[in-house]
């Protein structure tokens, strides 16, 4: 079994979620979630981000790049309660942060 498949299953079970719960929360077909956990299929980058968000871990953790599974530890310190947001709300937060960063970049460019 791949690291990704193993960690998807392990984290899902630790969160007391069924494969159907994960499928619903990520807008994936149940067969697709099963295929990811069986290492028969690999999620796209966007799907991997949604899975990590729903499971409350980082993409790096799911891929085996880090062993610390806390996805939002530093972000949680900056924005308390962030980890309680669902994946759609997290996408909205990420979009807003991206807009603030782009605006800051434009201000820096104009000032230079």
PDB file of N, CA and C in Angstrom:
ATOM      1  N   UNK A   1       0.853  -1.186   0.000  1.00  0.00           N
ATOM      2  CA  UNK A   1       0.000   0.000   0.000  1.00  0.00           C
ATOM      3  C   UNK A   1       0.890   1.238   0.000  1.00  0.00           C
ATOM      4  N   UNK A   2       0.465   2.292  -0.669  1.00  0.00           N
ATOM      5  CA  UNK A   2       1.246   3.532  -0.727  1.00  0.00           C
ATOM      6  C   UNK A   2       1.083   4.321   0.569  1.00  0.00           C
ATOM      7  N   UNK A   3       2.002   5.217   0.789  1.00  0.00           N
ATOM      8  CA  UNK A   3       1.918   6.086   1.970  1.00  0.00           C
ATOM      9  C   UNK A   3       0.623   6.880   1.919  1.00  0.00           C
ATOM     10  N   UNK A   4       0.303   7.432   0.749  1.00  0.00           N
ATOM     11  CA  UNK A   4      -0.919   8.224   0.608  1.00  0.00           C
ATOM     12  C   UNK A   4      -2.150   7.397   0.970  1.00  0.00           C
ATOM     13  N   UNK A   5      -2.273   6.225   0.401  1.00  0.00           N
ATOM     14  CA  UNK A   5      -3.439   5.378   0.677  1.00  0.00           C
ATOM     15  C   UNK A   5      -3.522   5.027   2.159  1.00  0.00           C
ATOM     16  N   UNK A   6      -2.396   4.672   2.735  1.00  0.00           N
ATOM     17  CA  UNK A   6      -2.364   4.305   4.148  1.00  0.00           C
ATOM     18  C   UNK A   6      -2.752   5.478   5.038  1.00  0.00           C
ATOM     19  N   UNK A   7      -2.212   6.658   4.741  1.00  0.00           N
ATOM     20  CA  UNK A   7      -2.519   7.821   5.579  1.00  0.00           C
ATOM     21  C   UNK A   7      -3.958   8.286   5.393  1.00  0.00           C
ATOM     22  N   UNK A   8      -4.475   8.198   4.184  1.00  0.00           N
ATOM     23  CA  UNK A   8      -5.889   8.548   3.985  1.00  0.00           C
ATOM     24  C   UNK A   8      -6.780   7.688   4.876  1.00  0.00           C
ATOM     25  N   UNK A   9      -6.549   6.379   4.840  1.00  0.00           N
ATOM     26  CA  UNK A   9      -7.359   5.453   5.635  1.00  0.00           C
ATOM     27  C   UNK A   9      -7.145   5.689   7.126  1.00  0.00           C
ATOM     28  N   UNK A  10      -5.891   5.794   7.551  1.00  0.00           N
ATOM     29  CA  UNK A  10      -5.573   5.942   8.969  1.00  0.00           C
ATOM     30  C   UNK A  10      -6.184   7.208   9.556  1.00  0.00           C
ATOM     31  N   UNK A  11      -6.030   8.331   8.851  1.00  0.00           N
ATOM     32  CA  UNK A  11      -6.568   9.596   9.353  1.00  0.00           C
ATOM     33  C   UNK A  11      -8.096   9.575   9.332  1.00  0.00           C
ATOM     34  N   UNK A  12      -8.678   9.043   8.277  1.00  0.00           N
ATOM     35  CA  UNK A  12     -10.142   8.961   8.194  1.00  0.00           C
ATOM     36  C   UNK A  12     -10.689   8.179   9.378  1.00  0.00           C
ATOM     37  N   UNK A  13     -10.078   7.022   9.643  1.00  0.00           N
ATOM     38  CA  UNK A  13     -10.538   6.202  10.761  1.00  0.00           C
ATOM     39  C   UNK A  13     -10.314   6.889  12.102  1.00  0.00           C
ATOM     40  N   UNK A  14      -9.184   7.590  12.244  1.00  0.00           N
ATOM     41  CA  UNK A  14      -8.907   8.309  13.497  1.00  0.00           C
ATOM     42  C   UNK A  14      -9.930   9.413  13.740  1.00  0.00           C
ATOM     43  N   UNK A  15     -10.451   9.981  12.669  1.00  0.00           N
ATOM     44  CA  UNK A  15     -11.468  11.036  12.772  1.00  0.00           C
ATOM     45  C   UNK A  15     -12.879  10.444  12.865  1.00  0.00           C
ATOM     46  N   UNK A  16     -12.947   9.115  12.893  1.00  0.00           N
ATOM     47  CA  UNK A  16     -14.224   8.402  12.978  1.00  0.00           C
ATOM     48  C   UNK A  16     -15.148   8.761  11.816  1.00  0.00           C
ATOM     49  N   UNK A  17     -14.559   8.833  10.619  1.00  0.00           N
ATOM     50  CA  UNK A  17     -15.319   9.114   9.409  1.00  0.00           C
ATOM     51  C   UNK A  17     -15.393   7.861   8.554  1.00  0.00           C
ATOM     52  N   UNK A  18     -16.488   7.705   7.842  1.00  0.00           N
ATOM     53  CA  UNK A  18     -16.593   6.613   6.887  1.00  0.00           C
ATOM     54  C   UNK A  18     -16.084   7.111   5.535  1.00  0.00           C
ATOM     55  N   UNK A  19     -15.860   6.174   4.628  1.00  0.00           N
ATOM     56  CA  UNK A  19     -15.485   6.571   3.278  1.00  0.00           C
ATOM     57  C   UNK A  19     -16.609   7.392   2.649  1.00  0.00           C
ATOM     58  N   UNK A  20     -17.839   7.049   2.969  1.00  0.00           N
ATOM     59  CA  UNK A  20     -18.987   7.806   2.456  1.00  0.00           C
ATOM     60  C   UNK A  20     -18.988   9.241   2.990  1.00  0.00           C
ATOM     61  N   UNK A  21     -18.604   9.419   4.264  1.00  0.00           N
ATOM     62  CA  UNK A  21     -18.505  10.764   4.836  1.00  0.00           C
ATOM     63  C   UNK A  21     -17.494  11.601   4.057  1.00  0.00           C
ATOM     64  N   UNK A  22     -16.338  11.012   3.782  1.00  0.00           N
ATOM     65  CA  UNK A  22     -15.283  11.716   3.054  1.00  0.00           C
ATOM     66  C   UNK A  22     -15.742  12.022   1.633  1.00  0.00           C
ATOM     67  N   UNK A  23     -16.397  11.065   1.010  1.00  0.00           N
ATOM     68  CA  UNK A  23     -16.896  11.277  -0.355  1.00  0.00           C
ATOM     69  C   UNK A  23     -17.875  12.457  -0.394  1.00  0.00           C
ATOM     70  N   UNK A  24     -18.802  12.498   0.543  1.00  0.00           N
ATOM     71  CA  UNK A  24     -19.772  13.593   0.590  1.00  0.00           C
ATOM     72  C   UNK A  24     -19.084  14.937   0.828  1.00  0.00           C
ATOM     73  N   UNK A  25     -18.185  14.970   1.781  1.00  0.00           N
ATOM     74  CA  UNK A  25     -17.530  16.225   2.155  1.00  0.00           C
ATOM     75  C   UNK A  25     -16.623  16.773   1.053  1.00  0.00           C
ATOM     76  N   UNK A  26     -16.151  15.908   0.188  1.00  0.00           N
ATOM     77  CA  UNK A  26     -15.233  16.329  -0.873  1.00  0.00           C
ATOM     78  C   UNK A  26     -15.891  16.331  -2.256  1.00  0.00           C
ATOM     79  N   UNK A  27     -17.171  16.010  -2.297  1.00  0.00           N
ATOM     80  CA  UNK A  27     -17.894  15.908  -3.574  1.00  0.00           C
ATOM     81  C   UNK A  27     -17.256  14.896  -4.517  1.00  0.00           C
ATOM     82  N   UNK A  28     -16.832  13.782  -3.964  1.00  0.00           N
ATOM     83  CA  UNK A  28     -16.260  12.690  -4.752  1.00  0.00           C
ATOM     84  C   UNK A  28     -17.207  11.502  -4.737  1.00  0.00           C
ATOM     85  N   UNK A  29     -17.077  10.672  -5.719  1.00  0.00           N
ATOM     86  CA  UNK A  29     -17.829   9.425  -5.757  1.00  0.00           C
ATOM     87  C   UNK A  29     -17.231   8.471  -4.716  1.00  0.00           C
ATOM     88  N   UNK A  30     -18.062   7.710  -4.050  1.00  0.00           N
ATOM     89  CA  UNK A  30     -17.593   6.765  -3.042  1.00  0.00           C
ATOM     90  C   UNK A  30     -16.564   5.797  -3.629  1.00  0.00           C
ATOM     91  N   UNK A  31     -16.787   5.346  -4.850  1.00  0.00           N
ATOM     92  CA  UNK A  31     -15.829   4.419  -5.487  1.00  0.00           C
ATOM     93  C   UNK A  31     -14.453   5.062  -5.652  1.00  0.00           C
ATOM     94  N   UNK A  32     -14.445   6.369  -5.881  1.00  0.00           N
ATOM     95  CA  UNK A  32     -13.176   7.083  -6.033  1.00  0.00           C
ATOM     96  C   UNK A  32     -12.415   7.116  -4.715  1.00  0.00           C
ATOM     97  N   UNK A  33     -13.117   7.414  -3.624  1.00  0.00           N
ATOM     98  CA  UNK A  33     -12.474   7.428  -2.305  1.00  0.00           C
ATOM     99  C   UNK A  33     -11.928   6.039  -1.988  1.00  0.00           C
ATOM    100  N   UNK A  34     -12.700   5.010  -2.280  1.00  0.00           N
ATOM    101  CA  UNK A  34     -12.236   3.638  -2.049  1.00  0.00           C
ATOM    102  C   UNK A  34     -10.986   3.347  -2.875  1.00  0.00           C
ATOM    103  N   UNK A  35     -10.977   3.810  -4.113  1.00  0.00           N
ATOM    104  CA  UNK A  35      -9.814   3.575  -4.990  1.00  0.00           C
ATOM    105  C   UNK A  35      -8.580   4.293  -4.462  1.00  0.00           C
ATOM    106  N   UNK A  36      -8.748   5.497  -3.902  1.00  0.00           N
ATOM    107  CA  UNK A  36      -7.604   6.210  -3.315  1.00  0.00           C
ATOM    108  C   UNK A  36      -7.042   5.419  -2.141  1.00  0.00           C
ATOM    109  N   UNK A  37      -7.919   4.916  -1.281  1.00  0.00           N
ATOM    110  CA  UNK A  37      -7.461   4.173  -0.105  1.00  0.00           C
ATOM    111  C   UNK A  37      -6.885   2.808  -0.469  1.00  0.00           C
ATOM    112  N   UNK A  38      -7.231   2.289  -1.616  1.00  0.00           N
ATOM    113  CA  UNK A  38      -6.687   1.008  -2.071  1.00  0.00           C
ATOM    114  C   UNK A  38      -5.441   1.203  -2.938  1.00  0.00           C
ATOM    115  N   UNK A  39      -5.033   2.441  -3.123  1.00  0.00           N
ATOM    116  CA  UNK A  39      -3.887   2.801  -3.961  1.00  0.00           C
ATOM    117  C   UNK A  39      -4.099   2.390  -5.417  1.00  0.00           C
ATOM    118  N   UNK A  40      -5.373   2.293  -5.820  1.00  0.00           N
ATOM    119  CA  UNK A  40      -5.694   1.940  -7.203  1.00  0.00           C
ATOM    120  C   UNK A  40      -5.806   3.188  -8.071  1.00  0.00           C
ATOM    121  N   UNK A  41      -5.902   4.335  -7.431  1.00  0.00           N
ATOM    122  CA  UNK A  41      -6.058   5.603  -8.128  1.00  0.00           C
ATOM    123  C   UNK A  41      -5.369   6.680  -7.311  1.00  0.00           C
ATOM    124  N   UNK A  42      -4.860   7.712  -7.989  1.00  0.00           N
ATOM    125  CA  UNK A  42      -4.181   8.811  -7.303  1.00  0.00           C
ATOM    126  C   UNK A  42      -4.982  10.090  -7.503  1.00  0.00           C
ATOM    127  N   UNK A  43      -5.253  10.824  -6.420  1.00  0.00           N
ATOM    128  CA  UNK A  43      -6.036  12.061  -6.557  1.00  0.00           C
ATOM    129  C   UNK A  43      -5.244  13.163  -7.258  1.00  0.00           C
ATOM    130  N   UNK A  44      -5.968  14.047  -7.933  1.00  0.00           N
ATOM    131  CA  UNK A  44      -5.341  15.231  -8.526  1.00  0.00           C
ATOM    132  C   UNK A  44      -4.890  16.153  -7.397  1.00  0.00           C
ATOM    133  N   UNK A  45      -4.127  17.166  -7.747  1.00  0.00           N
ATOM    134  CA  UNK A  45      -3.646  18.115  -6.731  1.00  0.00           C
ATOM    135  C   UNK A  45      -4.816  18.795  -6.029  1.00  0.00           C
ATOM    136  N   UNK A  46      -5.807  19.235  -6.803  1.00  0.00           N
ATOM    137  CA  UNK A  46      -6.962  19.900  -6.199  1.00  0.00           C
ATOM    138  C   UNK A  46      -7.745  18.986  -5.280  1.00  0.00           C
ATOM    139  N   UNK A  47      -7.910  17.749  -5.694  1.00  0.00           N
ATOM    140  CA  UNK A  47      -8.618  16.772  -4.861  1.00  0.00           C
ATOM    141  C   UNK A  47      -7.828  16.469  -3.606  1.00  0.00           C
ATOM    142  N   UNK A  48      -6.526  16.401  -3.736  1.00  0.00           N
ATOM    143  CA  UNK A  48      -5.667  16.152  -2.581  1.00  0.00           C
ATOM    144  C   UNK A  48      -5.815  17.267  -1.552  1.00  0.00           C
ATOM    145  N   UNK A  49      -5.913  18.491  -2.015  1.00  0.00           N
ATOM    146  CA  UNK A  49      -6.114  19.629  -1.115  1.00  0.00           C
ATOM    147  C   UNK A  49      -7.460  19.501  -0.402  1.00  0.00           C
ATOM    148  N   UNK A  50      -8.507  19.133  -1.135  1.00  0.00           N
ATOM    149  CA  UNK A  50      -9.831  18.956  -0.507  1.00  0.00           C
ATOM    150  C   UNK A  50      -9.804  17.831   0.514  1.00  0.00           C
ATOM    151  N   UNK A  51      -9.164  16.718   0.173  1.00  0.00           N
ATOM    152  CA  UNK A  51      -9.072  15.594   1.108  1.00  0.00           C
ATOM    153  C   UNK A  51      -8.335  16.014   2.381  1.00  0.00           C
ATOM    154  N   UNK A  52      -7.216  16.694   2.220  1.00  0.00           N
ATOM    155  CA  UNK A  52      -6.439  17.132   3.383  1.00  0.00           C
ATOM    156  C   UNK A  52      -7.261  18.071   4.255  1.00  0.00           C
ATOM    157  N   UNK A  53      -7.995  18.966   3.620  1.00  0.00           N
ATOM    158  CA  UNK A  53      -8.818  19.915   4.362  1.00  0.00           C
ATOM    159  C   UNK A  53      -9.903  19.201   5.164  1.00  0.00           C
ATOM    160  N   UNK A  54     -10.596  18.282   4.520  1.00  0.00           N
ATOM    161  CA  UNK A  54     -11.666  17.540   5.196  1.00  0.00           C
ATOM    162  C   UNK A  54     -11.113  16.697   6.342  1.00  0.00           C
ATOM    163  N   UNK A  55      -9.938  16.123   6.137  1.00  0.00           N
ATOM    164  CA  UNK A  55      -9.348  15.257   7.160  1.00  0.00           C
ATOM    165  C   UNK A  55      -8.569  16.029   8.220  1.00  0.00           C
ATOM    166  N   UNK A  56      -8.347  17.316   7.993  1.00  0.00           N
ATOM    167  CA  UNK A  56      -7.652  18.139   8.976  1.00  0.00           C
ATOM    168  C   UNK A  56      -6.159  17.880   9.053  1.00  0.00           C
ATOM    169  N   UNK A  57      -5.570  17.516   7.929  1.00  0.00           N
ATOM    170  CA  UNK A  57      -4.124  17.293   7.867  1.00  0.00           C
ATOM    171  C   UNK A  57      -3.570  18.057   6.678  1.00  0.00           C
ATOM    172  N   UNK A  58      -2.258  18.127   6.577  1.00  0.00           N
ATOM    173  CA  UNK A  58      -1.648  18.811   5.445  1.00  0.00           C
ATOM    174  C   UNK A  58      -1.491  17.860   4.269  1.00  0.00           C
ATOM    175  N   UNK A  59      -1.406  18.430   3.083  1.00  0.00           N
ATOM    176  CA  UNK A  59      -1.115  17.640   1.894  1.00  0.00           C
ATOM    177  C   UNK A  59       0.244  16.976   2.059  1.00  0.00           C
ATOM    178  N   UNK A  60       1.201  17.709   2.608  1.00  0.00           N
ATOM    179  CA  UNK A  60       2.535  17.144   2.831  1.00  0.00           C
ATOM    180  C   UNK A  60       2.469  15.894   3.701  1.00  0.00           C
ATOM    181  N   UNK A  61       1.617  15.918   4.713  1.00  0.00           N
ATOM    182  CA  UNK A  61       1.464  14.746   5.565  1.00  0.00           C
ATOM    183  C   UNK A  61       0.891  13.576   4.771  1.00  0.00           C
ATOM    184  N   UNK A  62      -0.165  13.829   4.011  1.00  0.00           N
ATOM    185  CA  UNK A  62      -0.773  12.749   3.233  1.00  0.00           C
ATOM    186  C   UNK A  62       0.217  12.133   2.248  1.00  0.00           C
ATOM    187  N   UNK A  63       1.085  12.966   1.686  1.00  0.00           N
ATOM    188  CA  UNK A  63       2.056  12.471   0.706  1.00  0.00           C
ATOM    189  C   UNK A  63       3.289  11.829   1.349  1.00  0.00           C
ATOM    190  N   UNK A  64       3.387  11.929   2.668  1.00  0.00           N
ATOM    191  CA  UNK A  64       4.528  11.326   3.357  1.00  0.00           C
ATOM    192  C   UNK A  64       5.756  12.211   3.382  1.00  0.00           C
ATOM    193  N   UNK A  65       5.586  13.499   3.085  1.00  0.00           N
ATOM    194  CA  UNK A  65       6.726  14.418   3.085  1.00  0.00           C
ATOM    195  C   UNK A  65       7.082  14.891   4.477  1.00  0.00           C
ATOM    196  N   UNK A  66       6.108  14.886   5.377  1.00  0.00           N
ATOM    197  CA  UNK A  66       6.329  15.230   6.780  1.00  0.00           C
ATOM    198  C   UNK A  66       5.585  14.223   7.638  1.00  0.00           C
ATOM    199  N   UNK A  67       6.028  14.079   8.862  1.00  0.00           N
ATOM    200  CA  UNK A  67       5.362  13.144   9.764  1.00  0.00           C
ATOM    201  C   UNK A  67       4.416  13.834  10.730  1.00  0.00           C
ATOM    202  N   UNK A  68       4.462  15.159  10.797  1.00  0.00           N
ATOM    203  CA  UNK A  68       3.554  15.911  11.656  1.00  0.00           C
ATOM    204  C   UNK A  68       2.235  16.071  10.907  1.00  0.00           C
ATOM    205  N   UNK A  69       1.142  15.578  11.468  1.00  0.00           N
ATOM    206  CA  UNK A  69      -0.119  15.584  10.744  1.00  0.00           C
ATOM    207  C   UNK A  69      -0.991  16.807  10.979  1.00  0.00           C
ATOM    208  N   UNK A  70      -0.605  17.690  11.863  1.00  0.00           N
ATOM    209  CA  UNK A  70      -1.428  18.864  12.147  1.00  0.00           C
ATOM    210  C   UNK A  70      -1.342  19.849  10.990  1.00  0.00           C
ATOM    211  N   UNK A  71      -2.425  20.000  10.263  1.00  0.00           N
ATOM    212  CA  UNK A  71      -2.435  20.815   9.050  1.00  0.00           C
ATOM    213  C   UNK A  71      -2.405  22.305   9.340  1.00  0.00           C
ATOM    214  N   UNK A  72      -3.112  22.718  10.362  1.00  0.00           N
ATOM    215  CA  UNK A  72      -3.334  24.143  10.543  1.00  0.00           C
ATOM    216  C   UNK A  72      -2.730  24.683  11.837  1.00  0.00           C
ATOM    217  N   UNK A  73      -1.681  24.035  12.342  1.00  0.00           N
ATOM    218  CA  UNK A  73      -1.148  24.450  13.644  1.00  0.00           C
ATOM    219  C   UNK A  73      -0.716  25.903  13.624  1.00  0.00           C
ATOM    220  N   UNK A  74       0.104  26.304  12.659  1.00  0.00           N
ATOM    221  CA  UNK A  74       0.567  27.687  12.645  1.00  0.00           C
ATOM    222  C   UNK A  74      -0.568  28.627  12.243  1.00  0.00           C
ATOM    223  N   UNK A  75      -1.403  28.221  11.308  1.00  0.00           N
ATOM    224  CA  UNK A  75      -2.535  29.049  10.904  1.00  0.00           C
ATOM    225  C   UNK A  75      -3.533  29.187  12.052  1.00  0.00           C
ATOM    226  N   UNK A  76      -3.706  28.134  12.819  1.00  0.00           N
ATOM    227  CA  UNK A  76      -4.626  28.166  13.961  1.00  0.00           C
ATOM    228  C   UNK A  76      -4.146  29.178  15.001  1.00  0.00           C
ATOM    229  N   UNK A  77      -2.835  29.308  15.163  1.00  0.00           N
ATOM    230  CA  UNK A  77      -2.320  30.310  16.101  1.00  0.00           C
ATOM    231  C   UNK A  77      -2.614  31.717  15.588  1.00  0.00           C
ATOM    232  N   UNK A  78      -2.544  31.895  14.269  1.00  0.00           N
ATOM    233  CA  UNK A  78      -2.810  33.200  13.668  1.00  0.00           C
ATOM    234  C   UNK A  78      -4.306  33.510  13.662  1.00  0.00           C
ATOM    235  N   UNK A  79      -5.123  32.515  13.340  1.00  0.00           N
ATOM    236  CA  UNK A  79      -6.578  32.687  13.248  1.00  0.00           C
ATOM    237  C   UNK A  79      -7.243  31.583  14.065  1.00  0.00           C
ATOM    238  N   UNK A  80      -7.447  31.818  15.359  1.00  0.00           N
ATOM    239  CA  UNK A  80      -8.085  30.793  16.183  1.00  0.00           C
ATOM    240  C   UNK A  80      -9.440  30.377  15.608  1.00  0.00           C
ATOM    241  N   UNK A  81      -9.704  29.086  15.607  1.00  0.00           N
ATOM    242  CA  UNK A  81     -10.968  28.562  15.098  1.00  0.00           C
ATOM    243  C   UNK A  81     -10.904  28.151  13.638  1.00  0.00           C
ATOM    244  N   UNK A  82      -9.804  28.417  12.957  1.00  0.00           N
ATOM    245  CA  UNK A  82      -9.672  28.104  11.535  1.00  0.00           C
ATOM    246  C   UNK A  82      -9.901  26.623  11.255  1.00  0.00           C
ATOM    247  N   UNK A  83      -9.448  25.774  12.147  1.00  0.00           N
ATOM    248  CA  UNK A  83      -9.561  24.333  11.917  1.00  0.00           C
ATOM    249  C   UNK A  83     -11.008  23.835  11.972  1.00  0.00           C
ATOM    250  N   UNK A  84     -11.916  24.662  12.459  1.00  0.00           N
ATOM    251  CA  UNK A  84     -13.328  24.253  12.520  1.00  0.00           C
ATOM    252  C   UNK A  84     -14.088  24.562  11.231  1.00  0.00           C
ATOM    253  N   UNK A  85     -13.433  25.239  10.282  1.00  0.00           N
ATOM    254  CA  UNK A  85     -14.093  25.575   9.019  1.00  0.00           C
ATOM    255  C   UNK A  85     -14.136  24.362   8.103  1.00  0.00           C
ATOM    256  N   UNK A  86     -15.198  24.281   7.303  1.00  0.00           N
ATOM    257  CA  UNK A  86     -15.266  23.199   6.331  1.00  0.00           C
ATOM    258  C   UNK A  86     -14.429  23.558   5.100  1.00  0.00           C
ATOM    259  N   UNK A  87     -14.313  22.630   4.171  1.00  0.00           N
ATOM    260  CA  UNK A  87     -13.424  22.833   3.026  1.00  0.00           C
ATOM    261  C   UNK A  87     -13.844  24.019   2.162  1.00  0.00           C
ATOM    262  N   UNK A  88     -15.128  24.236   2.002  1.00  0.00           N
ATOM    263  CA  UNK A  88     -15.591  25.378   1.198  1.00  0.00           C
ATOM    264  C   UNK A  88     -15.219  26.695   1.864  1.00  0.00           C
ATOM    265  N   UNK A  89     -15.383  26.775   3.175  1.00  0.00           N
ATOM    266  CA  UNK A  89     -15.003  27.990   3.893  1.00  0.00           C
ATOM    267  C   UNK A  89     -13.494  28.203   3.846  1.00  0.00           C
ATOM    268  N   UNK A  90     -12.726  27.122   3.941  1.00  0.00           N
ATOM    269  CA  UNK A  90     -11.273  27.246   3.855  1.00  0.00           C
ATOM    270  C   UNK A  90     -10.847  27.748   2.473  1.00  0.00           C
ATOM    271  N   UNK A  91     -11.530  27.300   1.433  1.00  0.00           N
ATOM    272  CA  UNK A  91     -11.230  27.796   0.088  1.00  0.00           C
ATOM    273  C   UNK A  91     -11.520  29.290  -0.001  1.00  0.00           C
ATOM    274  N   UNK A  92     -12.599  29.742   0.638  1.00  0.00           N
ATOM    275  CA  UNK A  92     -12.932  31.161   0.657  1.00  0.00           C
ATOM    276  C   UNK A  92     -11.859  31.950   1.391  1.00  0.00           C
ATOM    277  N   UNK A  93     -11.412  31.440   2.530  1.00  0.00           N
ATOM    278  CA  UNK A  93     -10.342  32.101   3.282  1.00  0.00           C
ATOM    279  C   UNK A  93      -9.074  32.177   2.430  1.00  0.00           C
ATOM    280  N   UNK A  94      -8.724  31.075   1.767  1.00  0.00           N
ATOM    281  CA  UNK A  94      -7.534  31.060   0.922  1.00  0.00           C
ATOM    282  C   UNK A  94      -7.663  32.072  -0.213  1.00  0.00           C
ATOM    283  N   UNK A  95      -8.857  32.181  -0.792  1.00  0.00           N
ATOM    284  CA  UNK A  95      -9.085  33.159  -1.859  1.00  0.00           C
ATOM    285  C   UNK A  95      -8.911  34.579  -1.332  1.00  0.00           C
ATOM    286  N   UNK A  96      -9.485  34.856  -0.164  1.00  0.00           N
ATOM    287  CA  UNK A  96      -9.354  36.195   0.424  1.00  0.00           C
ATOM    288  C   UNK A  96      -7.902  36.534   0.733  1.00  0.00           C
ATOM    289  N   UNK A  97      -7.177  35.597   1.298  1.00  0.00           N
ATOM    290  CA  UNK A  97      -5.765  35.826   1.604  1.00  0.00           C
ATOM    291  C   UNK A  97      -5.009  36.085   0.304  1.00  0.00           C
ATOM    292  N   UNK A  98      -5.319  35.311  -0.736  1.00  0.00           N
ATOM    293  CA  UNK A  98      -4.680  35.528  -2.036  1.00  0.00           C
ATOM    294  C   UNK A  98      -4.945  36.924  -2.568  1.00  0.00           C
ATOM    295  N   UNK A  99      -6.167  37.412  -2.396  1.00  0.00           N
ATOM    296  CA  UNK A  99      -6.501  38.768  -2.846  1.00  0.00           C
ATOM    297  C   UNK A  99      -5.739  39.820  -2.051  1.00  0.00           C
ATOM    298  N   UNK A 100      -5.630  39.632  -0.733  1.00  0.00           N
ATOM    299  CA  UNK A 100      -4.865  40.569   0.086  1.00  0.00           C
ATOM    300  C   UNK A 100      -3.395  40.570  -0.330  1.00  0.00           C
ATOM    301  N   UNK A 101      -2.847  39.394  -0.580  1.00  0.00           N
ATOM    302  CA  UNK A 101      -1.446  39.308  -1.006  1.00  0.00           C
ATOM    303  C   UNK A 101      -1.233  39.990  -2.351  1.00  0.00           C
ATOM    304  N   UNK A 102      -2.154  39.798  -3.285  1.00  0.00           N
ATOM    305  CA  UNK A 102      -2.050  40.446  -4.600  1.00  0.00           C
ATOM    306  C   UNK A 102      -2.137  41.961  -4.465  1.00  0.00           C
ATOM    307  N   UNK A 103      -3.040  42.435  -3.604  1.00  0.00           N
ATOM    308  CA  UNK A 103      -3.165  43.880  -3.393  1.00  0.00           C
ATOM    309  C   UNK A 103      -1.894  44.449  -2.768  1.00  0.00           C
ATOM    310  N   UNK A 104      -1.323  43.734  -1.823  1.00  0.00           N
ATOM    311  CA  UNK A 104      -0.080  44.187  -1.195  1.00  0.00           C
ATOM    312  C   UNK A 104       1.050  44.240  -2.219  1.00  0.00           C
ATOM    313  N   UNK A 105       1.085  43.253  -3.088  1.00  0.00           N
ATOM    314  CA  UNK A 105       2.101  43.219  -4.143  1.00  0.00           C
ATOM    315  C   UNK A 105       1.949  44.417  -5.080  1.00  0.00           C
ATOM    316  N   UNK A 106       0.710  44.744  -5.447  1.00  0.00           N
ATOM    317  CA  UNK A 106       0.464  45.898  -6.323  1.00  0.00           C
ATOM    318  C   UNK A 106       0.890  47.188  -5.641  1.00  0.00           C
ATOM    319  N   UNK A 107       0.616  47.308  -4.331  1.00  0.00           N
ATOM    320  CA  UNK A 107       1.024  48.508  -3.595  1.00  0.00           C
ATOM    321  C   UNK A 107       2.545  48.633  -3.562  1.00  0.00           C
ATOM    322  N   UNK A 108       3.228  47.506  -3.352  1.00  0.00           N
ATOM    323  CA  UNK A 108       4.701  47.518  -3.340  1.00  0.00           C
ATOM    324  C   UNK A 108       5.242  47.923  -4.701  1.00  0.00           C
ATOM    325  N   UNK A 109       4.621  47.404  -5.768  1.00  0.00           N
ATOM    326  CA  UNK A 109       5.072  47.729  -7.125  1.00  0.00           C
ATOM    327  C   UNK A 109       4.889  49.210  -7.431  1.00  0.00           C
ATOM    328  N   UNK A 110       3.761  49.789  -6.987  1.00  0.00           N
ATOM    329  CA  UNK A 110       3.527  51.204  -7.221  1.00  0.00           C
ATOM    330  C   UNK A 110       4.481  52.084  -6.421  1.00  0.00           C
ATOM    331  N   UNK A 111       4.831  51.621  -5.220  1.00  0.00           N
ATOM    332  CA  UNK A 111       5.728  52.396  -4.355  1.00  0.00           C
ATOM    333  C   UNK A 111       7.176  52.332  -4.841  1.00  0.00           C
ATOM    334  N   UNK A 112       7.514  51.311  -5.593  1.00  0.00           N
ATOM    335  CA  UNK A 112       8.921  51.141  -6.026  1.00  0.00           C
ATOM    336  C   UNK A 112       9.301  52.022  -7.186  1.00  0.00           C
TER     337      UNK A 112
END
